Amino acid sequence: MTSLAAFLLAGCNAAPRGLATPGGPLGPCPDSPNCVSTDAADAVHAMPPLPFRDTPAAALERARAALLREPRTRIVDERADYLHAESRSRLMRFVDDVEILVDSTAGVVRFRSASRVGRGDMGVNRARMERFTARFNGAPE
């Protein structure tokens, strides 16, 4: 039992995989279904980017506010056009990495949300980013 607990806790603190490099694109989703991204082309992982009409800085602030409405979510890296947050599951404290990228050239907000460990996530990443999308677009809760 101690070995199982150590294994599970180690998974909670695994290093992030596939994050964007500074100034670069979002990383691709792994083959596992526990990731969604606006840059993915396949139906399992794809979500549409979010158009914006305000300034890139205002879009990033709106994205930041929408993201921080998620429970157990904290920003760990923030740049002029990019946010990286960690969202922890309530029970096992597993970490999902959420990245937001404001693409001022295309006038869209792109994002990626992926589990650090495991294969499945019971739709948690997609549901999180659907809530984020609704908040970003100003839908009442």
N, C-alpha and C. Protein backbone atom coordinates (compact mmCIF):
# COMPACT_ATOMS: atom_id res chain seq x y z
N MET A 1 0.82 -1.19 0.00
CA MET A 1 0.00 0.00 0.00
C MET A 1 0.87 1.26 0.00
N THR A 2 1.97 1.23 0.72
CA THR A 2 2.87 2.38 0.76
C THR A 2 3.47 2.63 -0.62
N SER A 3 3.79 1.56 -1.34
CA SER A 3 4.34 1.72 -2.68
C SER A 3 3.33 2.38 -3.62
N LEU A 4 2.08 1.97 -3.51
CA LEU A 4 1.04 2.56 -4.34
C LEU A 4 0.88 4.05 -4.04
N ALA A 5 0.88 4.40 -2.78
CA ALA A 5 0.75 5.82 -2.40
C ALA A 5 1.93 6.61 -2.92
N ALA A 6 3.14 6.07 -2.81
CA ALA A 6 4.32 6.77 -3.31
C ALA A 6 4.24 6.95 -4.82
N PHE A 7 3.78 5.92 -5.53
CA PHE A 7 3.64 6.01 -6.98
C PHE A 7 2.64 7.11 -7.36
N LEU A 8 1.49 7.11 -6.69
CA LEU A 8 0.47 8.10 -7.00
C LEU A 8 0.94 9.51 -6.68
N LEU A 9 1.62 9.69 -5.56
CA LEU A 9 2.12 11.01 -5.20
C LEU A 9 3.22 11.47 -6.16
N ALA A 10 4.04 10.56 -6.63
CA ALA A 10 5.08 10.91 -7.60
C ALA A 10 4.44 11.41 -8.89
N GLY A 11 3.32 10.79 -9.28
CA GLY A 11 2.61 11.23 -10.48
C GLY A 11 2.05 12.62 -10.35
N CYS A 12 1.70 13.00 -9.13
CA CYS A 12 1.17 14.35 -8.90
C CYS A 12 2.21 15.42 -9.16
N ASN A 13 3.47 15.07 -8.99
CA ASN A 13 4.54 16.06 -9.11
C ASN A 13 5.40 15.87 -10.35
N ALA A 14 4.93 15.08 -11.30
CA ALA A 14 5.70 14.86 -12.52
C ALA A 14 5.95 16.19 -13.23
N ALA A 15 7.03 16.24 -13.97
CA ALA A 15 7.37 17.46 -14.72
C ALA A 15 6.38 17.64 -15.87
N PRO A 16 6.04 18.89 -16.20
CA PRO A 16 5.15 19.11 -17.34
C PRO A 16 5.77 18.63 -18.65
N ARG A 17 4.91 18.14 -19.55
CA ARG A 17 5.38 17.67 -20.86
C ARG A 17 4.72 18.47 -21.95
N GLY A 18 5.45 18.74 -23.01
CA GLY A 18 4.88 19.33 -24.21
C GLY A 18 4.48 20.80 -24.11
N LEU A 19 5.03 21.52 -23.14
CA LEU A 19 4.68 22.94 -23.02
C LEU A 19 5.29 23.74 -24.16
N ALA A 20 4.69 24.89 -24.41
CA ALA A 20 5.19 25.80 -25.44
C ALA A 20 6.55 26.32 -25.05
N THR A 21 7.41 26.52 -26.02
CA THR A 21 8.68 27.18 -25.76
C THR A 21 8.46 28.68 -25.86
N PRO A 22 9.23 29.49 -25.13
CA PRO A 22 9.01 30.94 -25.20
C PRO A 22 9.00 31.44 -26.64
N GLY A 23 7.92 32.12 -27.01
CA GLY A 23 7.78 32.64 -28.35
C GLY A 23 7.36 31.62 -29.38
N GLY A 24 7.22 30.36 -28.97
CA GLY A 24 6.89 29.30 -29.91
C GLY A 24 5.43 28.89 -29.85
N PRO A 25 5.05 27.91 -30.65
CA PRO A 25 3.66 27.44 -30.67
C PRO A 25 3.36 26.55 -29.47
N LEU A 26 2.08 26.27 -29.27
CA LEU A 26 1.70 25.29 -28.25
C LEU A 26 2.20 23.92 -28.67
N GLY A 27 2.54 23.11 -27.69
CA GLY A 27 2.98 21.76 -27.99
C GLY A 27 1.83 20.89 -28.45
N PRO A 28 2.12 19.81 -29.15
CA PRO A 28 1.06 18.91 -29.60
C PRO A 28 0.51 18.09 -28.43
N CYS A 29 -0.70 17.61 -28.58
CA CYS A 29 -1.27 16.69 -27.60
C CYS A 29 -0.63 15.32 -27.80
N PRO A 30 -0.46 14.58 -26.71
CA PRO A 30 0.02 13.20 -26.86
C PRO A 30 -1.07 12.34 -27.49
N ASP A 31 -0.77 11.10 -27.78
CA ASP A 31 -1.75 10.19 -28.36
C ASP A 31 -2.90 9.87 -27.41
N SER A 32 -2.67 10.03 -26.11
CA SER A 32 -3.70 9.71 -25.12
C SER A 32 -4.83 10.74 -25.17
N PRO A 33 -6.03 10.34 -24.75
CA PRO A 33 -7.20 11.24 -24.86
C PRO A 33 -7.32 12.27 -23.74
N ASN A 34 -6.27 12.45 -22.93
CA ASN A 34 -6.36 13.36 -21.78
C ASN A 34 -5.78 14.74 -22.07
N CYS A 35 -6.04 15.25 -23.26
CA CYS A 35 -5.52 16.55 -23.68
C CYS A 35 -6.48 17.14 -24.71
N VAL A 36 -6.66 18.46 -24.63
CA VAL A 36 -7.39 19.19 -25.67
C VAL A 36 -6.54 20.39 -26.08
N SER A 37 -6.67 20.79 -27.34
CA SER A 37 -5.88 21.91 -27.83
C SER A 37 -6.56 22.55 -29.03
N THR A 38 -6.41 23.85 -29.11
CA THR A 38 -6.92 24.55 -30.29
C THR A 38 -6.03 24.31 -31.50
N ASP A 39 -4.84 23.77 -31.29
CA ASP A 39 -3.93 23.48 -32.39
C ASP A 39 -4.04 22.05 -32.90
N ALA A 40 -4.86 21.22 -32.24
CA ALA A 40 -5.02 19.83 -32.65
C ALA A 40 -5.94 19.74 -33.86
N ALA A 41 -5.68 18.77 -34.72
CA ALA A 41 -6.47 18.60 -35.93
C ALA A 41 -7.47 17.44 -35.81
N ASP A 42 -7.28 16.55 -34.84
CA ASP A 42 -8.15 15.38 -34.73
C ASP A 42 -9.29 15.66 -33.76
N ALA A 43 -10.41 14.98 -33.94
CA ALA A 43 -11.63 15.23 -33.17
C ALA A 43 -11.46 14.92 -31.68
N VAL A 44 -10.60 13.99 -31.34
CA VAL A 44 -10.41 13.62 -29.93
C VAL A 44 -9.82 14.78 -29.14
N HIS A 45 -8.91 15.51 -29.74
CA HIS A 45 -8.17 16.56 -29.03
C HIS A 45 -8.57 17.99 -29.40
N ALA A 46 -9.22 18.21 -30.51
CA ALA A 46 -9.43 19.56 -31.05
C ALA A 46 -10.54 20.33 -30.34
N MET A 47 -10.29 21.62 -30.18
CA MET A 47 -11.28 22.61 -29.76
C MET A 47 -11.00 23.86 -30.58
N PRO A 48 -12.02 24.67 -30.84
CA PRO A 48 -11.78 25.87 -31.66
C PRO A 48 -11.09 26.99 -30.85
N PRO A 49 -10.26 27.79 -31.53
CA PRO A 49 -9.67 28.95 -30.86
C PRO A 49 -10.76 30.00 -30.60
N LEU A 50 -10.43 30.96 -29.73
CA LEU A 50 -11.40 31.97 -29.32
C LEU A 50 -11.08 33.31 -29.94
N PRO A 51 -11.89 33.79 -30.87
CA PRO A 51 -11.63 35.11 -31.46
C PRO A 51 -11.82 36.20 -30.41
N PHE A 52 -11.06 37.29 -30.58
CA PHE A 52 -11.24 38.45 -29.71
C PHE A 52 -11.16 39.71 -30.55
N ARG A 53 -11.85 40.75 -30.08
CA ARG A 53 -11.86 42.02 -30.79
C ARG A 53 -11.17 43.12 -30.00
N ASP A 54 -10.96 42.89 -28.70
CA ASP A 54 -10.29 43.90 -27.89
C ASP A 54 -8.78 43.78 -28.09
N THR A 55 -8.00 44.47 -27.33
CA THR A 55 -6.54 44.42 -27.48
C THR A 55 -6.02 43.07 -27.01
N PRO A 56 -4.84 42.66 -27.48
CA PRO A 56 -4.25 41.42 -26.98
C PRO A 56 -4.08 41.43 -25.46
N ALA A 57 -3.69 42.57 -24.89
CA ALA A 57 -3.52 42.65 -23.43
C ALA A 57 -4.85 42.45 -22.72
N ALA A 58 -5.91 43.04 -23.25
CA ALA A 58 -7.23 42.87 -22.65
C ALA A 58 -7.71 41.42 -22.79
N ALA A 59 -7.44 40.81 -23.93
CA ALA A 59 -7.81 39.40 -24.14
C ALA A 59 -7.07 38.50 -23.16
N LEU A 60 -5.80 38.78 -22.93
CA LEU A 60 -5.03 37.98 -21.98
C LEU A 60 -5.58 38.15 -20.57
N GLU A 61 -5.94 39.35 -20.19
CA GLU A 61 -6.50 39.59 -18.86
C GLU A 61 -7.84 38.89 -18.70
N ARG A 62 -8.67 38.92 -19.75
CA ARG A 62 -9.94 38.19 -19.73
C ARG A 62 -9.72 36.69 -19.60
N ALA A 63 -8.72 36.20 -20.34
CA ALA A 63 -8.38 34.77 -20.27
C ALA A 63 -7.89 34.40 -18.88
N ARG A 64 -7.06 35.26 -18.31
CA ARG A 64 -6.52 35.03 -16.96
C ARG A 64 -7.67 34.94 -15.95
N ALA A 65 -8.59 35.90 -16.01
CA ALA A 65 -9.72 35.91 -15.08
C ALA A 65 -10.60 34.68 -15.26
N ALA A 66 -10.85 34.30 -16.51
CA ALA A 66 -11.68 33.12 -16.79
C ALA A 66 -11.01 31.85 -16.27
N LEU A 67 -9.72 31.75 -16.45
CA LEU A 67 -8.99 30.57 -16.01
C LEU A 67 -8.95 30.47 -14.49
N LEU A 68 -8.74 31.58 -13.82
CA LEU A 68 -8.64 31.55 -12.36
C LEU A 68 -9.98 31.31 -11.67
N ARG A 69 -11.07 31.28 -12.42
CA ARG A 69 -12.37 30.89 -11.85
C ARG A 69 -12.43 29.38 -11.61
N GLU A 70 -11.51 28.64 -12.21
CA GLU A 70 -11.45 27.20 -12.00
C GLU A 70 -10.89 26.92 -10.61
N PRO A 71 -11.51 26.02 -9.87
CA PRO A 71 -10.98 25.69 -8.54
C PRO A 71 -9.61 25.02 -8.63
N ARG A 72 -8.81 25.23 -7.63
CA ARG A 72 -7.49 24.60 -7.49
C ARG A 72 -6.58 24.89 -8.69
N THR A 73 -6.70 26.09 -9.24
CA THR A 73 -5.90 26.50 -10.40
C THR A 73 -5.06 27.70 -10.02
N ARG A 74 -3.78 27.65 -10.39
CA ARG A 74 -2.88 28.78 -10.11
C ARG A 74 -1.99 29.02 -11.32
N ILE A 75 -1.69 30.29 -11.56
CA ILE A 75 -0.79 30.68 -12.65
C ILE A 75 0.64 30.44 -12.18
N VAL A 76 1.43 29.74 -13.01
CA VAL A 76 2.83 29.49 -12.65
C VAL A 76 3.81 30.21 -13.57
N ASP A 77 3.34 30.70 -14.71
CA ASP A 77 4.19 31.46 -15.64
C ASP A 77 3.29 32.42 -16.40
N GLU A 78 3.74 33.65 -16.52
CA GLU A 78 2.95 34.65 -17.22
C GLU A 78 3.89 35.55 -18.00
N ARG A 79 3.57 35.71 -19.28
CA ARG A 79 4.32 36.62 -20.17
C ARG A 79 3.33 37.52 -20.88
N ALA A 80 3.81 38.37 -21.76
CA ALA A 80 2.96 39.36 -22.42
C ALA A 80 1.82 38.71 -23.22
N ASP A 81 2.03 37.50 -23.76
CA ASP A 81 1.01 36.86 -24.60
C ASP A 81 0.73 35.42 -24.19
N TYR A 82 1.13 35.03 -22.98
CA TYR A 82 1.11 33.61 -22.61
C TYR A 82 0.85 33.44 -21.12
N LEU A 83 0.06 32.42 -20.78
CA LEU A 83 -0.15 31.99 -19.41
C LEU A 83 0.06 30.49 -19.33
N HIS A 84 0.69 30.04 -18.26
CA HIS A 84 0.77 28.62 -17.94
C HIS A 84 0.22 28.47 -16.54
N ALA A 85 -0.78 27.62 -16.39
CA ALA A 85 -1.39 27.38 -15.09
C ALA A 85 -1.36 25.89 -14.78
N GLU A 86 -1.45 25.59 -13.50
CA GLU A 86 -1.58 24.22 -13.03
C GLU A 86 -2.94 24.09 -12.37
N SER A 87 -3.69 23.06 -12.76
CA SER A 87 -4.97 22.74 -12.13
C SER A 87 -4.82 21.38 -11.46
N ARG A 88 -5.17 21.32 -10.19
CA ARG A 88 -5.05 20.07 -9.43
C ARG A 88 -6.41 19.43 -9.22
N SER A 89 -6.43 18.10 -9.34
CA SER A 89 -7.68 17.39 -9.07
C SER A 89 -7.96 17.43 -7.56
N ARG A 90 -9.22 17.38 -7.23
CA ARG A 90 -9.62 17.52 -5.84
C ARG A 90 -9.15 16.35 -4.98
N LEU A 91 -9.34 15.15 -5.45
CA LEU A 91 -9.09 13.99 -4.61
C LEU A 91 -7.63 13.55 -4.59
N MET A 92 -7.07 13.27 -5.74
CA MET A 92 -5.71 12.71 -5.79
C MET A 92 -4.63 13.76 -6.03
N ARG A 93 -5.04 15.02 -6.27
CA ARG A 93 -4.10 16.13 -6.46
C ARG A 93 -3.25 15.98 -7.72
N PHE A 94 -3.77 15.27 -8.73
CA PHE A 94 -3.08 15.16 -10.01
C PHE A 94 -3.04 16.53 -10.67
N VAL A 95 -1.99 16.80 -11.41
CA VAL A 95 -1.80 18.12 -12.03
C VAL A 95 -2.09 18.05 -13.52
N ASP A 96 -2.87 19.01 -13.99
CA ASP A 96 -3.08 19.25 -15.41
C ASP A 96 -2.43 20.58 -15.74
N ASP A 97 -1.76 20.66 -16.87
CA ASP A 97 -1.15 21.90 -17.31
C ASP A 97 -2.08 22.58 -18.31
N VAL A 98 -2.35 23.87 -18.08
CA VAL A 98 -3.19 24.66 -18.96
C VAL A 98 -2.35 25.80 -19.51
N GLU A 99 -2.32 25.92 -20.82
CA GLU A 99 -1.59 27.01 -21.46
C GLU A 99 -2.55 27.86 -22.28
N ILE A 100 -2.38 29.15 -22.19
CA ILE A 100 -3.17 30.11 -22.95
C ILE A 100 -2.19 30.95 -23.76
N LEU A 101 -2.44 31.09 -25.04
CA LEU A 101 -1.57 31.88 -25.91
C LEU A 101 -2.43 32.86 -26.71
N VAL A 102 -2.14 34.15 -26.55
CA VAL A 102 -2.86 35.17 -27.30
C VAL A 102 -2.13 35.39 -28.62
N ASP A 103 -2.77 35.01 -29.70
CA ASP A 103 -2.21 35.16 -31.03
C ASP A 103 -2.74 36.46 -31.62
N SER A 104 -1.98 37.55 -31.43
CA SER A 104 -2.45 38.86 -31.87
C SER A 104 -2.52 38.98 -33.39
N THR A 105 -1.70 38.23 -34.09
CA THR A 105 -1.72 38.26 -35.56
C THR A 105 -3.04 37.71 -36.10
N ALA A 106 -3.47 36.57 -35.55
CA ALA A 106 -4.71 35.94 -36.00
C ALA A 106 -5.93 36.48 -35.26
N GLY A 107 -5.73 37.21 -34.16
CA GLY A 107 -6.84 37.72 -33.38
C GLY A 107 -7.61 36.65 -32.64
N VAL A 108 -6.88 35.62 -32.18
CA VAL A 108 -7.51 34.52 -31.44
C VAL A 108 -6.70 34.17 -30.21
N VAL A 109 -7.39 33.57 -29.25
CA VAL A 109 -6.75 32.97 -28.09
C VAL A 109 -6.70 31.48 -28.35
N ARG A 110 -5.49 30.93 -28.28
CA ARG A 110 -5.30 29.49 -28.45
C ARG A 110 -4.99 28.90 -27.07
N PHE A 111 -5.30 27.62 -26.88
CA PHE A 111 -5.04 27.00 -25.58
C PHE A 111 -4.76 25.51 -25.72
N ARG A 112 -4.20 24.98 -24.66
CA ARG A 112 -3.92 23.55 -24.54
C ARG A 112 -4.11 23.20 -23.07
N SER A 113 -4.79 22.09 -22.79
CA SER A 113 -4.95 21.59 -21.42
C SER A 113 -4.68 20.10 -21.46
N ALA A 114 -3.71 19.67 -20.64
CA ALA A 114 -3.29 18.27 -20.70
C ALA A 114 -2.93 17.74 -19.32
N SER A 115 -3.27 16.48 -19.10
CA SER A 115 -2.88 15.80 -17.86
C SER A 115 -1.40 15.47 -17.92
N ARG A 116 -0.73 15.57 -16.78
CA ARG A 116 0.69 15.23 -16.74
C ARG A 116 0.93 13.72 -16.72
N VAL A 117 0.02 12.97 -16.14
CA VAL A 117 0.21 11.53 -16.03
C VAL A 117 -1.05 10.80 -16.47
N GLY A 118 -0.90 9.53 -16.78
CA GLY A 118 -2.03 8.69 -17.14
C GLY A 118 -2.44 8.81 -18.59
N ARG A 119 -3.51 8.09 -18.92
CA ARG A 119 -4.02 8.11 -20.29
C ARG A 119 -5.37 8.80 -20.38
N GLY A 120 -6.24 8.49 -19.46
CA GLY A 120 -7.58 9.05 -19.50
C GLY A 120 -7.76 10.11 -18.43
N ASP A 121 -8.76 10.95 -18.62
CA ASP A 121 -9.05 11.97 -17.63
C ASP A 121 -10.55 12.13 -17.40
N MET A 122 -11.35 11.21 -17.95
CA MET A 122 -12.81 11.25 -17.84
C MET A 122 -13.38 12.57 -18.35
N GLY A 123 -12.71 13.16 -19.33
CA GLY A 123 -13.21 14.38 -19.96
C GLY A 123 -12.95 15.66 -19.18
N VAL A 124 -12.11 15.58 -18.16
CA VAL A 124 -11.86 16.74 -17.28
C VAL A 124 -11.25 17.91 -18.04
N ASN A 125 -10.23 17.66 -18.86
CA ASN A 125 -9.58 18.75 -19.58
C ASN A 125 -10.53 19.44 -20.56
N ARG A 126 -11.31 18.65 -21.29
CA ARG A 126 -12.26 19.25 -22.24
C ARG A 126 -13.32 20.05 -21.48
N ALA A 127 -13.85 19.50 -20.40
CA ALA A 127 -14.87 20.22 -19.63
C ALA A 127 -14.31 21.52 -19.06
N ARG A 128 -13.08 21.48 -18.58
CA ARG A 128 -12.45 22.70 -18.05
C ARG A 128 -12.36 23.77 -19.13
N MET A 129 -11.92 23.37 -20.32
CA MET A 129 -11.72 24.36 -21.38
C MET A 129 -13.06 24.79 -22.00
N GLU A 130 -14.09 23.99 -21.91
CA GLU A 130 -15.42 24.44 -22.32
C GLU A 130 -15.92 25.51 -21.35
N ARG A 131 -15.70 25.31 -20.04
CA ARG A 131 -16.08 26.33 -19.05
C ARG A 131 -15.25 27.60 -19.27
N PHE A 132 -13.95 27.42 -19.54
CA PHE A 132 -13.07 28.56 -19.80
C PHE A 132 -13.58 29.35 -21.01
N THR A 133 -13.94 28.64 -22.08
CA THR A 133 -14.46 29.27 -23.29
C THR A 133 -15.71 30.09 -23.00
N ALA A 134 -16.62 29.50 -22.25
CA ALA A 134 -17.87 30.21 -21.92
C ALA A 134 -17.56 31.46 -21.09
N ARG A 135 -16.67 31.34 -20.12
CA ARG A 135 -16.32 32.51 -19.29
C ARG A 135 -15.63 33.57 -20.12
N PHE A 136 -14.69 33.15 -20.97
CA PHE A 136 -13.97 34.10 -21.82
C PHE A 136 -14.95 34.88 -22.70
N ASN A 137 -15.94 34.17 -23.20
CA ASN A 137 -16.94 34.79 -24.08
C ASN A 137 -18.04 35.54 -23.32
N GLY A 138 -17.93 35.59 -21.99
CA GLY A 138 -18.86 36.38 -21.19
C GLY A 138 -20.16 35.71 -20.83
N ALA A 139 -20.23 34.39 -20.94
CA ALA A 139 -21.46 33.69 -20.57
C ALA A 139 -21.66 33.76 -19.05
N PRO A 140 -22.89 34.02 -18.60
CA PRO A 140 -23.14 34.05 -17.15
C PRO A 140 -23.03 32.65 -16.57
N GLU A 141 -22.63 32.60 -15.32
CA GLU A 141 -22.52 31.27 -14.66
C GLU A 141 -23.68 31.03 -13.74
